[in-house]
Amino acid sequence: MKKISDLQLVVKSDTELLSTLTNKIAENRENVEHMIEGISSASNNYQKASDNVETLAERARQINKTVDTIDKVTIQTNMLAVNGFIEAARAGEYGKGFAVVANDIRNLANESGENAEQIKELVNAIQYQVNLVASDIAESAKVAAGEVVKARDTTKLVEEVTQILDELIKRFDEIGRELEQIGSAVEESSKAIEQINAAAEESASAIEEAAKGADEQARGVEELARAIEEIAAVADELQSA
């Protein structure tokens, strides 16, 4: 009976341990789910940032196209200024004023060309930085997506482990109930055995008393037999006389 009680205590202790472990796993599962939400949010932010960077890159490309157009216009303006110088030279004294205007136009075109080149260099530098940022964002988004997958796999594994632990807890509960039933049956059997032992002791006492009575009766019969023999002997003597 003591061994069964000890076993019940062990089962109860293991069940409580499994319950505690299940609760801790549930807490970790919540933490993992929060982590997934955070990573998913970060991944969405990465995607938005990537879209914004792509928009910025597209605008930079458009600026470059505009600068290319300015370069073409600058070249054409320079050509017109050169043609103006030629025509002014042909006109002689009458073309001096036109030559001044043509020179101003050429200077303005050259200045515009220089500004366009500076803008182009700046845009190219911006595009380079944008490409670096876009690459970093894409890599971060890729890592975040991978972490989300891992976290979801972990959550799935946690769910499977939780189900297994729940089944173990149920099984331990069943074992505990079965042990309790066995303990009750053993206790009832012990009581029955005690009753049987008591009855056996009473029966043994009764048999012993009966045996004593039988011995006394046997001695009485023997004494009666001897008395009868003595009476018979006396009767024989009387007949002989």
Protein backbone atom coordinates (compact mmCIF):
# COMPACT_ATOMS: atom_id res chain seq x y z
CA MET A 1 0.00 0.00 0.00
CA LYS A 2 2.88 2.38 0.84
CA LYS A 3 4.46 1.76 -2.55
CA ILE A 4 1.20 2.68 -4.28
CA SER A 5 0.98 5.88 -2.21
CA ASP A 6 4.57 6.71 -3.09
CA LEU A 7 3.81 6.09 -6.76
CA GLN A 8 0.76 8.34 -6.53
CA LEU A 9 2.93 11.11 -5.10
CA VAL A 10 5.44 10.67 -7.94
CA VAL A 11 2.69 10.81 -10.57
CA LYS A 12 1.19 13.90 -8.93
CA SER A 13 4.59 15.59 -8.80
CA ASP A 14 5.29 14.76 -12.46
CA THR A 15 1.84 16.04 -13.45
CA GLU A 16 2.43 19.33 -11.66
CA LEU A 17 5.85 19.60 -13.30
CA LEU A 18 4.32 19.01 -16.74
CA SER A 19 1.64 21.60 -16.04
CA THR A 20 4.29 24.14 -15.03
CA LEU A 21 6.29 23.33 -18.16
CA THR A 22 3.16 23.70 -20.30
CA ASN A 23 2.45 27.11 -18.79
CA LYS A 24 6.03 28.26 -19.44
CA ILE A 25 5.83 27.02 -23.02
CA ALA A 26 2.54 28.92 -23.42
CA GLU A 27 4.25 32.09 -22.16
CA ASN A 28 7.16 31.55 -24.57
CA ARG A 29 4.66 30.97 -27.35
CA GLU A 30 3.06 34.35 -26.61
CA ASN A 31 6.50 35.96 -26.66
CA VAL A 32 7.26 34.31 -30.00
CA GLU A 33 3.94 35.53 -31.40
CA HIS A 34 4.73 39.07 -30.25
CA MET A 35 8.16 38.72 -31.84
CA ILE A 36 6.53 37.58 -35.10
CA GLU A 37 4.24 40.60 -35.02
CA GLY A 38 7.22 42.89 -34.44
CA ILE A 39 9.28 41.30 -37.21
CA SER A 40 6.30 41.37 -39.58
CA SER A 41 5.79 45.05 -38.81
CA ALA A 42 9.49 45.69 -39.40
CA SER A 43 9.29 43.74 -42.65
CA ASN A 44 6.35 45.88 -43.76
CA ASN A 45 8.29 49.01 -42.85
CA TYR A 46 11.26 47.70 -44.82
CA GLN A 47 8.97 47.20 -47.79
CA LYS A 48 7.57 50.72 -47.48
CA ALA A 49 11.09 52.12 -47.18
CA SER A 50 12.13 50.08 -50.20
CA ASP A 51 9.20 51.51 -52.18
CA ASN A 52 10.13 55.05 -51.11
CA VAL A 53 13.75 54.48 -52.08
CA GLU A 54 12.66 53.12 -55.45
CA THR A 55 10.50 56.22 -55.94
CA LEU A 56 13.50 58.39 -55.07
CA ALA A 57 15.67 56.45 -57.51
CA GLU A 58 13.06 56.91 -60.23
CA ARG A 59 12.98 60.65 -59.60
CA ALA A 60 16.77 60.74 -59.76
CA ARG A 61 16.61 58.99 -63.13
CA GLN A 62 14.08 61.55 -64.32
CA ILE A 63 16.36 64.37 -63.16
CA ASN A 64 19.21 62.77 -65.10
CA LYS A 65 17.04 62.70 -68.20
CA THR A 66 16.22 66.37 -67.68
CA VAL A 67 19.92 67.16 -67.25
CA ASP A 68 20.67 65.26 -70.46
CA THR A 69 18.07 67.39 -72.18
CA ILE A 70 19.72 70.52 -70.74
CA ASP A 71 23.08 69.30 -72.09
CA LYS A 72 21.58 68.89 -75.53
CA VAL A 73 20.02 72.34 -75.36
CA THR A 74 23.36 73.76 -74.20
CA ILE A 75 25.14 72.21 -77.16
CA GLN A 76 22.53 73.56 -79.56
CA THR A 77 22.71 77.00 -77.90
CA ASN A 78 26.49 77.03 -78.26
CA MET A 79 26.12 76.13 -81.92
CA LEU A 80 23.64 78.98 -82.37
CA ALA A 81 26.04 81.35 -80.57
CA VAL A 82 28.88 80.29 -82.85
CA ASN A 83 26.68 80.83 -85.87
CA GLY A 84 25.78 84.25 -84.44
CA PHE A 85 29.46 85.16 -84.14
CA ILE A 86 30.00 84.13 -87.74
CA GLU A 87 27.05 86.19 -88.96
CA ALA A 88 28.13 89.15 -86.80
CA ALA A 89 31.63 88.98 -88.28
CA ARG A 90 30.15 89.00 -91.75
CA ALA A 91 28.03 92.02 -90.90
CA GLY A 92 31.10 93.94 -89.81
CA GLU A 93 30.36 97.13 -87.90
CA TYR A 94 26.63 96.49 -87.98
CA GLY A 95 27.05 93.07 -86.39
CA LYS A 96 28.92 94.14 -83.25
CA GLY A 97 25.78 94.38 -81.14
CA PHE A 98 24.65 90.97 -82.28
CA ALA A 99 28.11 89.60 -81.46
CA VAL A 100 27.76 90.83 -77.88
CA VAL A 101 24.38 89.13 -77.55
CA ALA A 102 25.75 85.93 -79.07
CA ASN A 103 28.64 86.00 -76.60
CA ASP A 104 26.24 86.45 -73.68
CA ILE A 105 24.15 83.57 -74.96
CA ARG A 106 27.22 81.35 -75.24
CA ASN A 107 28.35 82.26 -71.72
CA LEU A 108 24.87 81.53 -70.39
CA ALA A 109 24.84 78.21 -72.24
CA ASN A 110 28.25 77.29 -70.85
CA GLU A 111 27.11 78.23 -67.36
CA SER A 112 23.96 76.18 -67.80
CA GLY A 113 26.06 73.26 -69.02
CA GLU A 114 28.34 73.49 -65.99
CA ASN A 115 25.35 73.65 -63.67
CA ALA A 116 23.82 70.70 -65.45
CA GLU A 117 27.03 68.70 -65.00
CA GLN A 118 27.11 69.56 -61.30
CA ILE A 119 23.50 68.52 -60.97
CA LYS A 120 24.26 65.32 -62.84
CA GLU A 121 27.20 64.51 -60.55
CA LEU A 122 25.05 65.22 -57.50
CA VAL A 123 22.23 63.07 -58.83
CA ASN A 124 24.67 60.26 -59.62
CA ALA A 125 26.01 60.44 -56.06
CA ILE A 126 22.45 60.37 -54.74
CA GLN A 127 21.64 57.40 -56.97
CA TYR A 128 24.71 55.59 -55.67
CA GLN A 129 23.67 56.17 -52.06
CA VAL A 130 20.08 55.24 -52.91
CA ASN A 131 21.26 51.97 -54.43
CA LEU A 132 23.30 51.20 -51.31
CA VAL A 133 20.33 51.97 -49.06
CA ALA A 134 18.02 49.94 -51.29
CA SER A 135 20.44 47.01 -51.13
CA ASP A 136 20.66 47.24 -47.33
CA ILE A 137 16.89 47.51 -47.01
CA ALA A 138 16.37 44.55 -49.33
CA GLU A 139 18.85 42.47 -47.32
CA SER A 140 17.23 43.49 -44.03
CA ALA A 141 13.79 42.68 -45.42
CA LYS A 142 15.07 39.29 -46.57
CA VAL A 143 16.53 38.58 -43.12
CA ALA A 144 13.32 39.73 -41.44
CA ALA A 145 11.23 37.50 -43.70
CA GLY A 146 13.52 34.57 -42.89
CA GLU A 147 13.18 35.27 -39.17
CA VAL A 148 9.40 35.34 -39.53
CA VAL A 149 9.50 31.92 -41.17
CA LYS A 150 11.76 30.57 -38.41
CA ALA A 151 9.57 32.08 -35.72
CA ARG A 152 6.45 30.56 -37.28
CA ASP A 153 8.18 27.19 -37.47
CA THR A 154 9.11 27.60 -33.80
CA THR A 155 5.50 28.45 -32.97
CA LYS A 156 4.34 25.35 -34.82
CA LEU A 157 6.87 23.23 -32.93
CA VAL A 158 5.76 24.78 -29.64
CA GLU A 159 2.15 23.93 -30.49
CA GLU A 160 3.12 20.33 -31.21
CA VAL A 161 5.10 20.08 -27.95
CA THR A 162 2.19 21.64 -26.05
CA GLN A 163 -0.19 19.07 -27.51
CA ILE A 164 2.17 16.27 -26.51
CA LEU A 165 2.45 17.66 -22.97
CA ASP A 166 -1.32 18.01 -22.75
CA GLU A 167 -1.67 14.36 -23.75
CA LEU A 168 0.96 13.38 -21.16
CA ILE A 169 -0.87 15.36 -18.48
CA LYS A 170 -4.13 13.63 -19.38
CA ARG A 171 -2.38 10.26 -19.29
CA PHE A 172 -0.80 11.01 -15.91
CA ASP A 173 -4.21 12.08 -14.60
CA GLU A 174 -5.64 8.77 -15.81
CA ILE A 175 -2.76 6.89 -14.19
CA GLY A 176 -3.37 8.83 -10.97
CA ARG A 177 -7.05 7.89 -10.99
CA GLU A 178 -6.19 4.27 -11.78
CA LEU A 179 -3.67 4.20 -8.93
CA GLU A 180 -6.29 5.69 -6.63
CA GLN A 181 -8.73 2.95 -7.65
CA ILE A 182 -6.02 0.31 -7.18
CA GLY A 183 -5.21 1.78 -3.77
CA SER A 184 -8.87 1.64 -2.78
CA ALA A 185 -9.11 -1.96 -4.02
CA VAL A 186 -5.95 -2.92 -2.13
CA GLU A 187 -7.30 -1.26 1.00
CA GLU A 188 -10.58 -3.15 0.65
CA SER A 189 -8.63 -6.37 0.04
CA SER A 190 -6.53 -5.71 3.14
CA LYS A 191 -9.68 -5.21 5.20
CA ALA A 192 -11.14 -8.43 3.76
CA ILE A 193 -7.94 -10.31 4.55
CA GLU A 194 -7.99 -8.95 8.09
CA GLN A 195 -11.59 -10.11 8.45
CA ILE A 196 -10.67 -13.52 7.04
CA ASN A 197 -7.72 -13.77 9.43
CA ALA A 198 -9.97 -12.83 12.35
CA ALA A 199 -12.54 -15.43 11.29
CA ALA A 200 -9.79 -18.00 10.87
CA GLU A 201 -8.52 -17.25 14.36
CA GLU A 202 -12.04 -17.60 15.75
CA SER A 203 -12.48 -20.88 13.83
CA ALA A 204 -9.15 -22.15 15.14
CA SER A 205 -10.21 -21.30 18.71
CA ALA A 206 -13.54 -23.07 18.21
CA ILE A 207 -11.80 -26.12 16.74
CA GLU A 208 -9.37 -26.15 19.64
CA GLU A 209 -12.26 -25.99 22.12
CA ALA A 210 -14.06 -28.74 20.22
CA ALA A 211 -10.90 -30.85 20.28
CA LYS A 212 -10.62 -30.37 24.02
CA GLY A 213 -14.27 -31.43 24.42
CA ALA A 214 -13.68 -34.48 22.26
CA ASP A 215 -10.70 -35.47 24.39
CA GLU A 216 -12.78 -35.18 27.53
CA GLN A 217 -15.56 -37.24 25.94
CA ALA A 218 -13.02 -39.88 24.90
CA ARG A 219 -11.69 -40.08 28.43
CA GLY A 220 -15.26 -40.41 29.74
CA VAL A 221 -15.95 -43.24 27.30
CA GLU A 222 -12.79 -45.00 28.37
CA GLU A 223 -13.75 -44.68 32.02
CA LEU A 224 -17.24 -45.95 31.19
CA ALA A 225 -15.77 -48.91 29.33
CA ARG A 226 -13.55 -49.78 32.27
CA ALA A 227 -16.53 -49.53 34.60
CA ILE A 228 -18.53 -51.85 32.35
CA GLU A 229 -15.66 -54.33 32.27
CA GLU A 230 -15.46 -54.24 36.05
CA ILE A 231 -19.22 -54.79 36.34
CA ALA A 232 -19.00 -57.69 33.87
CA ALA A 233 -16.18 -59.25 35.88
CA VAL A 234 -18.22 -58.98 39.07
CA ALA A 235 -21.20 -60.54 37.31
CA ASP A 236 -19.09 -63.44 36.12
CA GLU A 237 -17.84 -64.03 39.65
CA LEU A 238 -21.38 -64.02 41.00
CA GLN A 239 -22.52 -66.55 38.41
CA SER A 240 -19.59 -68.85 39.19
CA ALA A 241 -20.40 -68.81 42.90
